[in-house]
Amino acid sequence: MAAFTPNSCMPYRELCTREYGMQQLSNGRCCSVVGSSGRGLVRRLESDRIIIKRKVRVEVQKSGAFWQNASRPTSVDMESINSLEEFEEILCQSKENSQPIIVDWMAAWCRKCIYLKPKLEKLAAEFYPRIKFYVVDVNKVPQTLVKRGNISKMPTIQMWKDGEWKAEVIGGHKAWLVLDEVREMIQKNV
């Protein structure tokens, strides 16, 4: 059975009673459950602001609830690269460790880049610790770094392995398609 909850420590009984109808929030306001989406439970607050809570899988067993993958992170922050020297050092480390890296080249003004970043952080959790994910804001770094990555469009997600560029995905379309392409790129090159 799948259940959705904002807090993984919430008891199963309380979760079931809160899943339907009006709910009292910690700040005293009320909200109602509107439905569920692929991203989680959708709630509508009194102020018509919509909140989407993350999914947590629950299995009901004879002894109670068992939380799957509790030790695995759901999201991993991507480390920022700020200079060409730092980028070269990361490439050397990945070559020494035989560990591929993913670099997300983005810009702060790019809406698709901003929308894609948290989804890439969740993807990073799937491959943690085998693959490290990094982010470069092309407007905050020297242009020599941007030229080193041979970047012309944003967002561009590149895979580097053994200190060399292996593959890239240019993410100008829907985020779920980009993530599928990134997964496919990782599977082909790892």
N, C-alpha and C. Protein backbone atom coordinates (compact mmCIF):
# COMPACT_ATOMS: atom_id res chain seq x y z
N MET A 1 0.85 -1.17 0.00
CA MET A 1 0.00 0.00 0.00
C MET A 1 0.89 1.22 0.00
N ALA A 2 0.57 2.22 -0.77
CA ALA A 2 1.34 3.46 -0.80
C ALA A 2 0.59 4.51 0.01
N ALA A 3 1.31 5.25 0.82
CA ALA A 3 0.71 6.32 1.60
C ALA A 3 1.57 7.56 1.45
N PHE A 4 0.98 8.70 1.59
CA PHE A 4 1.70 9.96 1.44
C PHE A 4 1.67 10.70 2.76
N THR A 5 2.80 11.25 3.15
CA THR A 5 2.88 11.94 4.42
C THR A 5 3.97 12.99 4.38
N PRO A 6 3.77 14.14 5.03
CA PRO A 6 4.82 15.14 5.08
C PRO A 6 5.90 14.79 6.10
N ASN A 7 5.60 13.86 7.01
CA ASN A 7 6.53 13.52 8.07
C ASN A 7 6.61 12.01 8.16
N SER A 8 7.78 11.44 7.93
CA SER A 8 7.90 9.99 7.91
C SER A 8 7.71 9.36 9.29
N CYS A 9 7.69 10.15 10.35
CA CYS A 9 7.51 9.61 11.70
C CYS A 9 6.04 9.59 12.11
N MET A 10 5.15 10.05 11.24
CA MET A 10 3.73 10.10 11.58
C MET A 10 3.18 8.68 11.70
N PRO A 11 2.46 8.36 12.75
CA PRO A 11 1.92 7.02 12.90
C PRO A 11 0.95 6.68 11.77
N TYR A 12 0.91 5.41 11.42
CA TYR A 12 0.08 4.95 10.31
C TYR A 12 -1.40 5.25 10.56
N ARG A 13 -1.88 5.05 11.76
CA ARG A 13 -3.29 5.29 12.08
C ARG A 13 -3.66 6.75 11.85
N GLU A 14 -2.80 7.65 12.32
CA GLU A 14 -3.05 9.07 12.13
C GLU A 14 -3.00 9.43 10.66
N LEU A 15 -2.11 8.80 9.93
CA LEU A 15 -1.98 9.03 8.50
C LEU A 15 -3.28 8.68 7.78
N CYS A 16 -3.86 7.54 8.10
CA CYS A 16 -5.09 7.11 7.44
C CYS A 16 -6.25 8.06 7.74
N THR A 17 -6.34 8.54 8.97
CA THR A 17 -7.44 9.44 9.31
C THR A 17 -7.25 10.81 8.69
N ARG A 18 -6.01 11.22 8.45
CA ARG A 18 -5.75 12.54 7.88
C ARG A 18 -5.82 12.54 6.36
N GLU A 19 -5.85 11.35 5.76
CA GLU A 19 -5.79 11.27 4.30
C GLU A 19 -7.06 11.77 3.63
N TYR A 20 -8.17 11.84 4.35
CA TYR A 20 -9.44 12.24 3.76
C TYR A 20 -9.99 13.48 4.46
N GLY A 21 -10.60 14.35 3.69
CA GLY A 21 -11.34 15.47 4.24
C GLY A 21 -10.48 16.58 4.79
N MET A 22 -11.07 17.35 5.71
CA MET A 22 -10.39 18.52 6.26
C MET A 22 -9.31 18.10 7.24
N GLN A 23 -8.25 18.89 7.27
CA GLN A 23 -7.13 18.60 8.15
C GLN A 23 -6.74 19.87 8.89
N GLN A 24 -6.39 19.72 10.15
CA GLN A 24 -5.91 20.84 10.93
C GLN A 24 -4.40 20.89 10.83
N LEU A 25 -3.85 22.02 10.40
CA LEU A 25 -2.41 22.17 10.29
C LEU A 25 -1.84 22.67 11.60
N SER A 26 -0.52 22.61 11.74
CA SER A 26 0.12 23.02 12.99
C SER A 26 -0.07 24.51 13.27
N ASN A 27 -0.32 25.32 12.24
CA ASN A 27 -0.50 26.75 12.46
C ASN A 27 -1.96 27.10 12.72
N GLY A 28 -2.85 26.10 12.83
CA GLY A 28 -4.24 26.35 13.14
C GLY A 28 -5.13 26.52 11.92
N ARG A 29 -4.55 26.60 10.72
CA ARG A 29 -5.34 26.75 9.50
C ARG A 29 -5.84 25.39 9.05
N CYS A 30 -6.86 25.40 8.24
CA CYS A 30 -7.40 24.15 7.71
C CYS A 30 -7.04 24.00 6.25
N CYS A 31 -6.94 22.76 5.83
CA CYS A 31 -6.73 22.49 4.41
C CYS A 31 -7.52 21.25 4.05
N SER A 32 -7.78 21.06 2.79
CA SER A 32 -8.48 19.87 2.35
C SER A 32 -7.64 19.14 1.33
N VAL A 33 -7.79 17.82 1.31
CA VAL A 33 -7.07 17.00 0.35
C VAL A 33 -7.84 17.08 -0.96
N VAL A 34 -7.17 17.54 -2.00
CA VAL A 34 -7.81 17.70 -3.29
C VAL A 34 -7.68 16.43 -4.10
N GLY A 35 -6.55 15.75 -4.00
CA GLY A 35 -6.31 14.53 -4.75
C GLY A 35 -4.86 14.17 -4.66
N SER A 36 -4.44 13.24 -5.50
CA SER A 36 -3.04 12.88 -5.52
C SER A 36 -2.53 12.97 -6.93
N SER A 37 -1.25 13.23 -7.04
CA SER A 37 -0.62 13.32 -8.35
C SER A 37 0.57 12.37 -8.34
N GLY A 38 1.30 12.33 -9.43
CA GLY A 38 2.49 11.50 -9.48
C GLY A 38 3.57 11.99 -8.54
N ARG A 39 3.47 13.24 -8.09
CA ARG A 39 4.48 13.81 -7.21
C ARG A 39 4.14 13.64 -5.75
N GLY A 40 2.89 13.38 -5.41
CA GLY A 40 2.54 13.23 -4.02
C GLY A 40 1.12 13.67 -3.75
N LEU A 41 0.81 13.94 -2.49
CA LEU A 41 -0.52 14.33 -2.06
C LEU A 41 -0.70 15.82 -2.31
N VAL A 42 -1.81 16.19 -2.94
CA VAL A 42 -2.07 17.59 -3.25
C VAL A 42 -3.05 18.12 -2.22
N ARG A 43 -2.70 19.21 -1.58
CA ARG A 43 -3.58 19.84 -0.60
C ARG A 43 -3.88 21.26 -1.05
N ARG A 44 -5.08 21.73 -0.74
CA ARG A 44 -5.42 23.11 -1.04
C ARG A 44 -5.67 23.81 0.30
N LEU A 45 -4.91 24.86 0.55
CA LEU A 45 -5.08 25.63 1.78
C LEU A 45 -6.24 26.60 1.64
N GLU A 46 -6.64 27.23 2.77
CA GLU A 46 -7.71 28.22 2.74
C GLU A 46 -7.38 29.34 1.76
N SER A 47 -6.12 29.67 1.63
CA SER A 47 -5.72 30.79 0.77
C SER A 47 -5.58 30.36 -0.68
N ASP A 48 -6.05 29.17 -1.03
CA ASP A 48 -5.99 28.60 -2.38
C ASP A 48 -4.58 28.36 -2.86
N ARG A 49 -3.62 28.35 -1.97
CA ARG A 49 -2.26 27.97 -2.33
C ARG A 49 -2.18 26.45 -2.30
N ILE A 50 -1.58 25.86 -3.29
CA ILE A 50 -1.51 24.40 -3.37
C ILE A 50 -0.15 23.94 -2.85
N ILE A 51 -0.17 22.91 -2.01
CA ILE A 51 1.05 22.32 -1.47
C ILE A 51 1.09 20.87 -1.91
N ILE A 52 2.22 20.44 -2.39
CA ILE A 52 2.39 19.04 -2.77
C ILE A 52 3.42 18.43 -1.83
N LYS A 53 3.02 17.41 -1.13
CA LYS A 53 3.91 16.74 -0.18
C LYS A 53 4.54 15.53 -0.86
N ARG A 54 5.74 15.16 -0.39
CA ARG A 54 6.46 14.06 -1.02
C ARG A 54 5.87 12.71 -0.64
N LYS A 55 6.15 11.72 -1.49
CA LYS A 55 5.65 10.38 -1.26
C LYS A 55 6.55 9.62 -0.29
N VAL A 56 5.95 8.82 0.55
CA VAL A 56 6.66 7.88 1.40
C VAL A 56 5.93 6.56 1.28
N ARG A 57 6.66 5.51 0.94
CA ARG A 57 6.02 4.20 0.79
C ARG A 57 5.92 3.52 2.15
N VAL A 58 4.77 2.93 2.39
CA VAL A 58 4.51 2.22 3.64
C VAL A 58 4.02 0.83 3.29
N GLU A 59 4.60 -0.18 3.93
CA GLU A 59 4.10 -1.54 3.78
C GLU A 59 3.53 -1.95 5.12
N VAL A 60 2.31 -2.45 5.11
CA VAL A 60 1.68 -2.90 6.34
C VAL A 60 1.98 -4.39 6.49
N GLN A 61 2.62 -4.73 7.60
CA GLN A 61 2.93 -6.10 7.91
C GLN A 61 2.23 -6.48 9.21
N LYS A 62 2.33 -7.73 9.60
CA LYS A 62 1.68 -8.17 10.84
C LYS A 62 2.22 -7.41 12.04
N SER A 63 3.51 -7.05 11.98
CA SER A 63 4.09 -6.38 13.14
C SER A 63 3.95 -4.86 13.07
N GLY A 64 3.40 -4.30 12.00
CA GLY A 64 3.23 -2.86 11.91
C GLY A 64 3.76 -2.34 10.59
N ALA A 65 4.18 -1.09 10.57
CA ALA A 65 4.63 -0.45 9.33
C ALA A 65 6.14 -0.60 9.17
N PHE A 66 6.55 -0.77 7.94
CA PHE A 66 7.97 -0.87 7.62
C PHE A 66 8.30 0.21 6.60
N TRP A 67 9.25 1.09 6.90
CA TRP A 67 9.60 2.19 6.01
C TRP A 67 10.71 1.74 5.09
N GLN A 68 10.42 1.68 3.79
CA GLN A 68 11.40 1.24 2.82
C GLN A 68 12.45 2.32 2.58
N ASN A 69 13.66 1.89 2.32
CA ASN A 69 14.76 2.77 1.95
C ASN A 69 14.94 3.94 2.93
N ALA A 70 14.77 3.69 4.23
CA ALA A 70 14.88 4.76 5.21
C ALA A 70 16.30 5.30 5.29
N SER A 71 17.31 4.48 4.96
CA SER A 71 18.69 4.93 5.06
C SER A 71 19.15 5.65 3.79
N ARG A 72 18.38 5.59 2.74
CA ARG A 72 18.74 6.19 1.46
C ARG A 72 18.21 7.61 1.37
N PRO A 73 19.02 8.58 0.94
CA PRO A 73 18.52 9.95 0.83
C PRO A 73 17.51 10.07 -0.31
N THR A 74 16.56 10.99 -0.17
CA THR A 74 15.60 11.23 -1.24
C THR A 74 16.09 12.30 -2.19
N SER A 75 17.05 13.09 -1.74
CA SER A 75 17.61 14.15 -2.56
C SER A 75 19.04 14.42 -2.12
N VAL A 76 19.91 14.68 -3.08
CA VAL A 76 21.31 15.00 -2.77
C VAL A 76 21.64 16.34 -3.39
N ASP A 77 22.08 17.29 -2.58
CA ASP A 77 22.44 18.61 -3.11
C ASP A 77 23.61 18.48 -4.06
N MET A 78 23.49 19.14 -5.21
CA MET A 78 24.58 19.13 -6.17
C MET A 78 25.60 20.18 -5.74
N GLU A 79 26.87 19.80 -5.79
CA GLU A 79 27.93 20.73 -5.42
C GLU A 79 28.14 21.73 -6.55
N SER A 80 28.45 22.94 -6.17
CA SER A 80 28.66 24.00 -7.15
C SER A 80 30.12 24.06 -7.60
N ILE A 81 30.33 24.29 -8.87
CA ILE A 81 31.68 24.49 -9.42
C ILE A 81 31.78 25.97 -9.79
N ASN A 82 32.83 26.64 -9.28
CA ASN A 82 32.93 28.09 -9.44
C ASN A 82 34.12 28.57 -10.26
N SER A 83 35.04 27.67 -10.63
CA SER A 83 36.20 28.11 -11.41
C SER A 83 36.71 26.96 -12.28
N LEU A 84 37.52 27.31 -13.25
CA LEU A 84 38.10 26.31 -14.14
C LEU A 84 39.04 25.38 -13.37
N GLU A 85 39.80 25.93 -12.43
CA GLU A 85 40.72 25.13 -11.62
C GLU A 85 39.96 24.10 -10.79
N GLU A 86 38.85 24.54 -10.20
CA GLU A 86 38.02 23.63 -9.40
C GLU A 86 37.45 22.52 -10.29
N PHE A 87 37.03 22.87 -11.50
CA PHE A 87 36.49 21.88 -12.44
C PHE A 87 37.56 20.86 -12.82
N GLU A 88 38.76 21.34 -13.12
CA GLU A 88 39.86 20.43 -13.48
C GLU A 88 40.21 19.51 -12.31
N GLU A 89 40.19 20.05 -11.08
CA GLU A 89 40.48 19.25 -9.90
C GLU A 89 39.42 18.15 -9.70
N ILE A 90 38.16 18.49 -9.93
CA ILE A 90 37.08 17.51 -9.81
C ILE A 90 37.24 16.42 -10.86
N LEU A 91 37.63 16.80 -12.08
CA LEU A 91 37.87 15.81 -13.14
C LEU A 91 39.02 14.88 -12.78
N CYS A 92 40.09 15.44 -12.18
CA CYS A 92 41.22 14.60 -11.75
C CYS A 92 40.80 13.62 -10.66
N GLN A 93 40.04 14.10 -9.69
CA GLN A 93 39.56 13.23 -8.61
C GLN A 93 38.68 12.12 -9.14
N SER A 94 37.79 12.46 -10.09
CA SER A 94 36.91 11.43 -10.64
C SER A 94 37.70 10.41 -11.45
N LYS A 95 38.78 10.86 -12.09
CA LYS A 95 39.62 9.93 -12.85
C LYS A 95 40.37 8.99 -11.90
N GLU A 96 40.90 9.53 -10.80
CA GLU A 96 41.61 8.73 -9.82
C GLU A 96 40.69 7.69 -9.18
N ASN A 97 39.44 8.09 -8.91
CA ASN A 97 38.48 7.21 -8.24
C ASN A 97 37.69 6.35 -9.22
N SER A 98 37.93 6.53 -10.50
CA SER A 98 37.15 5.85 -11.56
C SER A 98 35.66 6.04 -11.34
N GLN A 99 35.30 7.27 -10.99
CA GLN A 99 33.92 7.61 -10.70
C GLN A 99 33.43 8.66 -11.70
N PRO A 100 32.39 8.33 -12.47
CA PRO A 100 31.87 9.34 -13.41
C PRO A 100 31.18 10.48 -12.67
N ILE A 101 31.09 11.63 -13.32
CA ILE A 101 30.39 12.77 -12.73
C ILE A 101 29.38 13.30 -13.74
N ILE A 102 28.35 13.92 -13.22
CA ILE A 102 27.34 14.60 -14.03
C ILE A 102 27.44 16.08 -13.70
N VAL A 103 27.50 16.91 -14.74
CA VAL A 103 27.57 18.36 -14.55
C VAL A 103 26.35 19.00 -15.20
N ASP A 104 25.60 19.74 -14.40
CA ASP A 104 24.43 20.48 -14.89
C ASP A 104 24.86 21.92 -15.14
N TRP A 105 24.91 22.31 -16.40
CA TRP A 105 25.25 23.68 -16.78
C TRP A 105 23.95 24.44 -16.87
N MET A 106 23.77 25.46 -16.03
CA MET A 106 22.51 26.18 -15.96
C MET A 106 22.74 27.67 -15.79
N ALA A 107 21.67 28.43 -15.87
CA ALA A 107 21.72 29.87 -15.64
C ALA A 107 20.58 30.24 -14.71
N ALA A 108 20.81 31.25 -13.87
CA ALA A 108 19.81 31.66 -12.90
C ALA A 108 18.56 32.23 -13.57
N TRP A 109 18.70 32.78 -14.77
CA TRP A 109 17.56 33.36 -15.48
C TRP A 109 16.76 32.33 -16.28
N CYS A 110 17.26 31.12 -16.39
CA CYS A 110 16.64 30.07 -17.21
C CYS A 110 15.59 29.32 -16.39
N ARG A 111 14.32 29.48 -16.73
CA ARG A 111 13.23 28.85 -15.98
C ARG A 111 13.31 27.33 -16.03
N LYS A 112 13.64 26.78 -17.18
CA LYS A 112 13.74 25.33 -17.30
C LYS A 112 14.88 24.79 -16.45
N CYS A 113 15.98 25.56 -16.37
CA CYS A 113 17.11 25.15 -15.54
C CYS A 113 16.72 25.10 -14.07
N ILE A 114 16.02 26.13 -13.63
CA ILE A 114 15.60 26.22 -12.23
C ILE A 114 14.62 25.11 -11.90
N TYR A 115 13.72 24.80 -12.82
CA TYR A 115 12.74 23.75 -12.61
C TYR A 115 13.39 22.37 -12.60
N LEU A 116 14.44 22.20 -13.39
CA LEU A 116 15.09 20.90 -13.53
C LEU A 116 16.02 20.56 -12.36
N LYS A 117 16.60 21.58 -11.73
CA LYS A 117 17.60 21.35 -10.69
C LYS A 117 17.12 20.44 -9.55
N PRO A 118 15.96 20.69 -8.92
CA PRO A 118 15.53 19.79 -7.84
C PRO A 118 15.26 18.36 -8.32
N LYS A 119 14.84 18.23 -9.55
CA LYS A 119 14.60 16.89 -10.10
C LYS A 119 15.92 16.16 -10.32
N LEU A 120 16.95 16.89 -10.72
CA LEU A 120 18.27 16.29 -10.86
C LEU A 120 18.84 15.91 -9.49
N GLU A 121 18.52 16.70 -8.46
CA GLU A 121 18.97 16.36 -7.11
C GLU A 121 18.32 15.06 -6.63
N LYS A 122 17.08 14.83 -7.01
CA LYS A 122 16.43 13.56 -6.67
C LYS A 122 17.05 12.42 -7.47
N LEU A 123 17.38 12.69 -8.72
CA LEU A 123 18.05 11.69 -9.55
C LEU A 123 19.43 11.37 -8.97
N ALA A 124 20.11 12.38 -8.44
CA ALA A 124 21.42 12.18 -7.81
C ALA A 124 21.31 11.21 -6.63
N ALA A 125 20.19 11.25 -5.92
CA ALA A 125 19.98 10.33 -4.79
C ALA A 125 19.87 8.88 -5.28
N GLU A 126 19.32 8.68 -6.48
CA GLU A 126 19.22 7.32 -7.03
C GLU A 126 20.60 6.72 -7.29
N PHE A 127 21.56 7.54 -7.70
CA PHE A 127 22.88 7.06 -8.08
C PHE A 127 23.93 7.33 -7.01
N TYR A 128 23.50 7.85 -5.84
CA TYR A 128 24.41 8.14 -4.75
C TYR A 128 24.91 6.83 -4.15
N PRO A 129 26.16 6.65 -3.86
CA PRO A 129 27.35 7.48 -4.03
C PRO A 129 28.17 7.12 -5.28
N ARG A 130 27.62 6.31 -6.18
CA ARG A 130 28.38 5.86 -7.35
C ARG A 130 28.73 6.99 -8.31
N ILE A 131 27.82 7.98 -8.45
CA ILE A 131 28.03 9.09 -9.36
C ILE A 131 27.80 10.39 -8.60
N LYS A 132 28.71 11.34 -8.77
CA LYS A 132 28.55 12.64 -8.13
C LYS A 132 27.96 13.62 -9.13
N PHE A 133 27.06 14.48 -8.66
CA PHE A 133 26.40 15.48 -9.48
C PHE A 133 26.89 16.87 -9.07
N TYR A 134 27.18 17.69 -10.08
CA TYR A 134 27.66 19.05 -9.86
C TYR A 134 26.80 20.01 -10.67
N VAL A 135 26.83 21.28 -10.28
CA VAL A 135 26.08 22.32 -10.99
C VAL A 135 27.00 23.51 -11.26
N VAL A 136 26.86 24.10 -12.43
CA VAL A 136 27.63 25.29 -12.81
C VAL A 136 26.65 26.34 -13.28
N ASP A 137 26.65 27.51 -12.63
CA ASP A 137 25.85 28.65 -13.10
C ASP A 137 26.74 29.43 -14.06
N VAL A 138 26.41 29.37 -15.35
CA VAL A 138 27.30 29.93 -16.37
C VAL A 138 27.47 31.44 -16.27
N ASN A 139 26.58 32.14 -15.57
CA ASN A 139 26.72 33.59 -15.41
C ASN A 139 27.60 33.97 -14.23
N LYS A 140 27.94 33.02 -13.38
CA LYS A 140 28.75 33.31 -12.19
C LYS A 140 30.17 32.78 -12.29
N VAL A 141 30.51 32.14 -13.41
CA VAL A 141 31.84 31.55 -13.56
C VAL A 141 32.55 32.21 -14.74
N PRO A 142 33.88 32.09 -14.78
CA PRO A 142 34.60 32.65 -15.93
C PRO A 142 34.20 31.94 -17.24
N GLN A 143 34.23 32.69 -18.32
CA GLN A 143 33.85 32.12 -19.61
C GLN A 143 34.79 31.02 -20.08
N THR A 144 36.01 30.98 -19.55
CA THR A 144 36.93 29.90 -19.91
C THR A 144 36.37 28.55 -19.46
N LEU A 145 35.68 28.53 -18.32
CA LEU A 145 35.05 27.30 -17.84
C LEU A 145 33.90 26.89 -18.77
N VAL A 146 33.11 27.87 -19.20
CA VAL A 146 31.99 27.58 -20.09
C VAL A 146 32.52 27.06 -21.43
N LYS A 147 33.61 27.64 -21.91
CA LYS A 147 34.22 27.17 -23.16
C LYS A 147 34.81 25.78 -22.98
N ARG A 148 35.36 25.49 -21.83
CA ARG A 148 35.93 24.16 -21.54
C ARG A 148 34.85 23.08 -21.63
N GLY A 149 33.64 23.43 -21.20
CA GLY A 149 32.52 22.50 -21.29
C GLY A 149 31.85 22.50 -22.65
N ASN A 150 32.25 23.45 -23.52
CA ASN A 150 31.68 23.58 -24.86
C ASN A 150 30.16 23.75 -24.78
N ILE A 151 29.73 24.71 -23.95
CA ILE A 151 28.31 24.92 -23.67
C ILE A 151 27.77 26.02 -24.58
N SER A 152 26.64 25.72 -25.23
CA SER A 152 26.00 26.73 -26.07
C SER A 152 24.52 26.91 -25.71
N LYS A 153 23.92 25.92 -25.05
CA LYS A 153 22.50 25.98 -24.68
C LYS A 153 22.33 25.57 -23.23
N MET A 154 21.26 26.08 -22.62
CA MET A 154 20.95 25.73 -21.25
C MET A 154 19.53 25.19 -21.15
N PRO A 155 19.28 24.24 -20.27
CA PRO A 155 20.26 23.51 -19.48
C PRO A 155 20.95 22.42 -20.31
N THR A 156 22.21 22.21 -20.01
CA THR A 156 22.97 21.12 -20.61
C THR A 156 23.48 20.25 -19.48
N ILE A 157 23.21 18.97 -19.57
CA ILE A 157 23.66 18.01 -18.56
C ILE A 157 24.69 17.12 -19.23
N GLN A 158 25.91 17.16 -18.70
CA GLN A 158 27.01 16.40 -19.31
C GLN A 158 27.49 15.31 -18.37
N MET A 159 27.96 14.22 -18.99
CA MET A 159 28.60 13.15 -18.23
C MET A 159 30.07 13.17 -18.57
N TRP A 160 30.91 13.19 -17.53
CA TRP A 160 32.36 13.14 -17.67
C TRP A 160 32.85 11.89 -16.99
N LYS A 161 33.72 11.16 -17.66
CA LYS A 161 34.26 9.92 -17.11
C LYS A 161 35.73 9.83 -17.50
N ASP A 162 36.58 9.46 -16.54
CA ASP A 162 38.03 9.36 -16.76
C ASP A 162 38.61 10.68 -17.27
N GLY A 163 38.06 11.79 -16.77
CA GLY A 163 38.57 13.12 -17.14
C GLY A 163 38.16 13.59 -18.52
N GLU A 164 37.29 12.85 -19.20
CA GLU A 164 36.88 13.21 -20.55
C GLU A 164 35.36 13.32 -20.64
N TRP A 165 34.92 14.17 -21.55
CA TRP A 165 33.50 14.30 -21.85
C TRP A 165 33.03 13.04 -22.54
N LYS A 166 31.93 12.45 -22.08
CA LYS A 166 31.40 11.22 -22.68
C LYS A 166 30.09 11.45 -23.42
N ALA A 167 29.16 12.19 -22.82
CA ALA A 167 27.84 12.38 -23.42
C ALA A 167 27.18 13.60 -22.80
N GLU A 168 26.13 14.09 -23.48
CA GLU A 168 25.39 15.22 -22.93
C GLU A 168 23.93 15.15 -23.36
N VAL A 169 23.10 15.81 -22.55
CA VAL A 169 21.69 15.96 -22.84
C VAL A 169 21.39 17.45 -22.76
N ILE A 170 20.78 17.97 -23.81
CA ILE A 170 20.36 19.38 -23.78
C ILE A 170 18.89 19.39 -23.42
N GLY A 171 18.58 19.98 -22.28
CA GLY A 171 17.24 19.85 -21.70
C GLY A 171 16.30 20.96 -22.00
N GLY A 172 15.99 21.19 -23.25
CA GLY A 172 15.04 22.24 -23.60
C GLY A 172 13.61 21.78 -23.64
N HIS A 173 13.31 20.55 -23.22
CA HIS A 173 11.95 20.03 -23.27
C HIS A 173 11.50 19.63 -21.87
N LYS A 174 10.43 18.90 -21.77
CA LYS A 174 9.83 18.57 -20.47
C LYS A 174 10.81 17.85 -19.55
N ALA A 175 10.73 18.18 -18.25
CA ALA A 175 11.70 17.68 -17.27
C ALA A 175 11.72 16.16 -17.20
N TRP A 176 10.57 15.50 -17.23
CA TRP A 176 10.56 14.04 -17.12
C TRP A 176 11.24 13.40 -18.32
N LEU A 177 11.14 14.02 -19.50
CA LEU A 177 11.85 13.50 -20.67
C LEU A 177 13.36 13.68 -20.51
N VAL A 178 13.75 14.83 -19.99
CA VAL A 178 15.18 15.11 -19.75
C VAL A 178 15.74 14.09 -18.76
N LEU A 179 15.01 13.83 -17.68
CA LEU A 179 15.48 12.88 -16.68
C LEU A 179 15.61 11.47 -17.27
N ASP A 180 14.66 11.09 -18.11
CA ASP A 180 14.77 9.78 -18.77
C ASP A 180 16.01 9.72 -19.66
N GLU A 181 16.29 10.82 -20.38
CA GLU A 181 17.47 10.86 -21.24
C GLU A 181 18.76 10.82 -20.41
N VAL A 182 18.76 11.48 -19.25
CA VAL A 182 19.93 11.47 -18.37
C VAL A 182 20.15 10.06 -17.82
N ARG A 183 19.07 9.40 -17.39
CA ARG A 183 19.19 8.01 -16.91
C ARG A 183 19.75 7.11 -18.00
N GLU A 184 19.24 7.27 -19.21
CA GLU A 184 19.72 6.48 -20.33
C GLU A 184 21.19 6.76 -20.62
N MET A 185 21.58 8.03 -20.55
CA MET A 185 22.98 8.41 -20.75
C MET A 185 23.87 7.76 -19.70
N ILE A 186 23.43 7.75 -18.44
CA ILE A 186 24.20 7.15 -17.36
C ILE A 186 24.34 5.64 -17.59
N GLN A 187 23.24 4.98 -17.93
CA GLN A 187 23.27 3.54 -18.13
C GLN A 187 24.17 3.13 -19.29
N LYS A 188 24.22 3.95 -20.34
CA LYS A 188 25.06 3.63 -21.50
C LYS A 188 26.54 3.79 -21.19
N ASN A 189 26.87 4.74 -20.32
CA ASN A 189 28.27 5.10 -20.11
C ASN A 189 28.87 4.61 -18.80
N VAL A 190 28.11 3.92 -17.98
CA VAL A 190 28.66 3.43 -16.70
C VAL A 190 28.89 1.95 -16.77
